[in-house]
């Protein structure tokens, strides 16, 4: 056992009990806008087992997906060792 919740001063666990904060992404057709603190993070567009597109979030927080990618796709935002997933329709 790593520690006890009712007496946390006795042992500090290396694992956080707080959930990961959500990321909000706004979509307008093939353009996505994220908050400025995500600038420079990597985005992957996946369909099934295929990686369709990869980009880095620009200074203005915009992600523009090429028009030839359409249908239901999986958008992955990689931030350090955490990957956020969302299914969107283009």
C-alpha atoms as a PDB file:
ATOM      1  CA  UNK A   1       0.000   0.000   0.000  1.00  0.00           C
ATOM      2  CA  UNK A   2       1.403   3.391  -0.986  1.00  0.00           C
ATOM      3  CA  UNK A   3      -0.318   5.504   1.639  1.00  0.00           C
ATOM      4  CA  UNK A   4      -3.495   6.153   3.478  1.00  0.00           C
ATOM      5  CA  UNK A   5      -6.046   8.693   2.401  1.00  0.00           C
ATOM      6  CA  UNK A   6      -7.280   9.456   5.904  1.00  0.00           C
ATOM      7  CA  UNK A   7      -3.782  10.307   7.204  1.00  0.00           C
ATOM      8  CA  UNK A   8      -1.898  11.809   4.248  1.00  0.00           C
ATOM      9  CA  UNK A   9       0.725  13.533   6.452  1.00  0.00           C
ATOM     10  CA  UNK A  10       2.307  10.169   7.304  1.00  0.00           C
ATOM     11  CA  UNK A  11       3.159   9.298   3.715  1.00  0.00           C
ATOM     12  CA  UNK A  12       3.062  11.317   0.517  1.00  0.00           C
ATOM     13  CA  UNK A  13       2.261   9.233  -2.531  1.00  0.00           C
ATOM     14  CA  UNK A  14       4.094  10.046  -5.778  1.00  0.00           C
ATOM     15  CA  UNK A  15       0.745   9.716  -7.564  1.00  0.00           C
ATOM     16  CA  UNK A  16      -1.668  12.617  -7.774  1.00  0.00           C
ATOM     17  CA  UNK A  17      -5.256  12.152  -6.640  1.00  0.00           C
ATOM     18  CA  UNK A  18      -6.417  15.029  -8.833  1.00  0.00           C
ATOM     19  CA  UNK A  19      -7.898  14.283 -12.244  1.00  0.00           C
ATOM     20  CA  UNK A  20      -6.201  15.702 -15.322  1.00  0.00           C
ATOM     21  CA  UNK A  21      -7.734  19.036 -16.334  1.00  0.00           C
ATOM     22  CA  UNK A  22      -9.853  18.872 -19.509  1.00  0.00           C
ATOM     23  CA  UNK A  23      -8.820  20.635 -22.686  1.00  0.00           C
ATOM     24  CA  UNK A  24     -11.444  22.593 -24.594  1.00  0.00           C
ATOM     25  CA  UNK A  25     -11.256  22.611 -28.388  1.00  0.00           C
ATOM     26  CA  UNK A  26     -13.583  24.675 -30.561  1.00  0.00           C
ATOM     27  CA  UNK A  27     -14.369  23.428 -34.077  1.00  0.00           C
ATOM     28  CA  UNK A  28     -15.401  25.353 -37.186  1.00  0.00           C
ATOM     29  CA  UNK A  29     -15.468  22.929 -40.139  1.00  0.00           C
ATOM     30  CA  UNK A  30     -11.795  21.872 -40.656  1.00  0.00           C
ATOM     31  CA  UNK A  31     -10.390  24.465 -38.259  1.00  0.00           C
ATOM     32  CA  UNK A  32      -9.903  23.866 -34.553  1.00  0.00           C
ATOM     33  CA  UNK A  33      -8.987  26.504 -31.976  1.00  0.00           C
ATOM     34  CA  UNK A  34      -7.344  25.720 -28.639  1.00  0.00           C
ATOM     35  CA  UNK A  35      -6.181  27.837 -25.717  1.00  0.00           C
ATOM     36  CA  UNK A  36      -2.846  29.638 -25.964  1.00  0.00           C
ATOM     37  CA  UNK A  37      -1.085  27.492 -23.362  1.00  0.00           C
ATOM     38  CA  UNK A  38      -1.212  24.586 -25.856  1.00  0.00           C
ATOM     39  CA  UNK A  39       0.880  26.377 -28.505  1.00  0.00           C
ATOM     40  CA  UNK A  40       3.656  24.099 -29.733  1.00  0.00           C
ATOM     41  CA  UNK A  41       1.937  20.841 -28.749  1.00  0.00           C
ATOM     42  CA  UNK A  42       1.477  18.067 -31.313  1.00  0.00           C
ATOM     43  CA  UNK A  43      -1.845  17.041 -32.860  1.00  0.00           C
ATOM     44  CA  UNK A  44      -2.466  13.766 -34.709  1.00  0.00           C
ATOM     45  CA  UNK A  45      -5.456  12.935 -36.892  1.00  0.00           C
ATOM     46  CA  UNK A  46      -6.195   9.206 -36.963  1.00  0.00           C
ATOM     47  CA  UNK A  47      -8.757   7.064 -38.750  1.00  0.00           C
ATOM     48  CA  UNK A  48      -8.851   3.440 -37.667  1.00  0.00           C
ATOM     49  CA  UNK A  49      -5.224   2.310 -37.498  1.00  0.00           C
ATOM     50  CA  UNK A  50      -4.019   4.951 -39.984  1.00  0.00           C
ATOM     51  CA  UNK A  51      -2.276   8.189 -39.063  1.00  0.00           C
ATOM     52  CA  UNK A  52      -3.676  10.703 -41.568  1.00  0.00           C
ATOM     53  CA  UNK A  53      -2.129  14.001 -40.507  1.00  0.00           C
ATOM     54  CA  UNK A  54       0.181  15.509 -37.898  1.00  0.00           C
ATOM     55  CA  UNK A  55       0.799  19.144 -37.022  1.00  0.00           C
ATOM     56  CA  UNK A  56       2.031  21.454 -34.288  1.00  0.00           C
ATOM     57  CA  UNK A  57      -0.380  23.989 -32.766  1.00  0.00           C
ATOM     58  CA  UNK A  58       0.426  27.452 -34.142  1.00  0.00           C
ATOM     59  CA  UNK A  59       0.942  30.672 -32.145  1.00  0.00           C
ATOM     60  CA  UNK A  60      -2.668  31.717 -32.740  1.00  0.00           C
ATOM     61  CA  UNK A  61      -3.954  28.415 -31.298  1.00  0.00           C
ATOM     62  CA  UNK A  62      -5.325  27.228 -34.639  1.00  0.00           C
ATOM     63  CA  UNK A  63      -5.168  23.754 -36.110  1.00  0.00           C
ATOM     64  CA  UNK A  64      -6.219  23.512 -39.759  1.00  0.00           C
ATOM     65  CA  UNK A  65      -6.962  20.033 -41.116  1.00  0.00           C
ATOM     66  CA  UNK A  66      -6.702  19.553 -44.909  1.00  0.00           C
ATOM     67  CA  UNK A  67     -10.059  19.478 -46.736  1.00  0.00           C
ATOM     68  CA  UNK A  68      -9.383  16.048 -48.240  1.00  0.00           C
ATOM     69  CA  UNK A  69      -9.712  14.511 -44.745  1.00  0.00           C
ATOM     70  CA  UNK A  70     -13.388  14.061 -43.879  1.00  0.00           C
ATOM     71  CA  UNK A  71     -15.803  11.824 -42.010  1.00  0.00           C
ATOM     72  CA  UNK A  72     -15.472  10.704 -38.402  1.00  0.00           C
ATOM     73  CA  UNK A  73     -11.864  10.931 -37.267  1.00  0.00           C
ATOM     74  CA  UNK A  74      -9.968  10.727 -33.999  1.00  0.00           C
ATOM     75  CA  UNK A  75      -8.123  13.871 -32.934  1.00  0.00           C
ATOM     76  CA  UNK A  76      -5.231  13.258 -30.549  1.00  0.00           C
ATOM     77  CA  UNK A  77      -3.490  16.060 -28.714  1.00  0.00           C
ATOM     78  CA  UNK A  78      -0.152  14.947 -27.280  1.00  0.00           C
ATOM     79  CA  UNK A  79       0.994  17.025 -24.316  1.00  0.00           C
ATOM     80  CA  UNK A  80       4.137  15.631 -22.717  1.00  0.00           C
ATOM     81  CA  UNK A  81       3.361  12.091 -21.619  1.00  0.00           C
ATOM     82  CA  UNK A  82      -0.428  12.657 -21.715  1.00  0.00           C
ATOM     83  CA  UNK A  83      -2.524  12.074 -24.832  1.00  0.00           C
ATOM     84  CA  UNK A  84      -6.017  13.563 -25.073  1.00  0.00           C
ATOM     85  CA  UNK A  85      -8.514  11.929 -27.480  1.00  0.00           C
ATOM     86  CA  UNK A  86     -11.644  13.247 -29.173  1.00  0.00           C
ATOM     87  CA  UNK A  87     -13.809  11.867 -31.965  1.00  0.00           C
ATOM     88  CA  UNK A  88     -14.995  14.554 -34.375  1.00  0.00           C
ATOM     89  CA  UNK A  89     -16.817  14.708 -37.689  1.00  0.00           C
ATOM     90  CA  UNK A  90     -15.292  16.708 -40.542  1.00  0.00           C
END
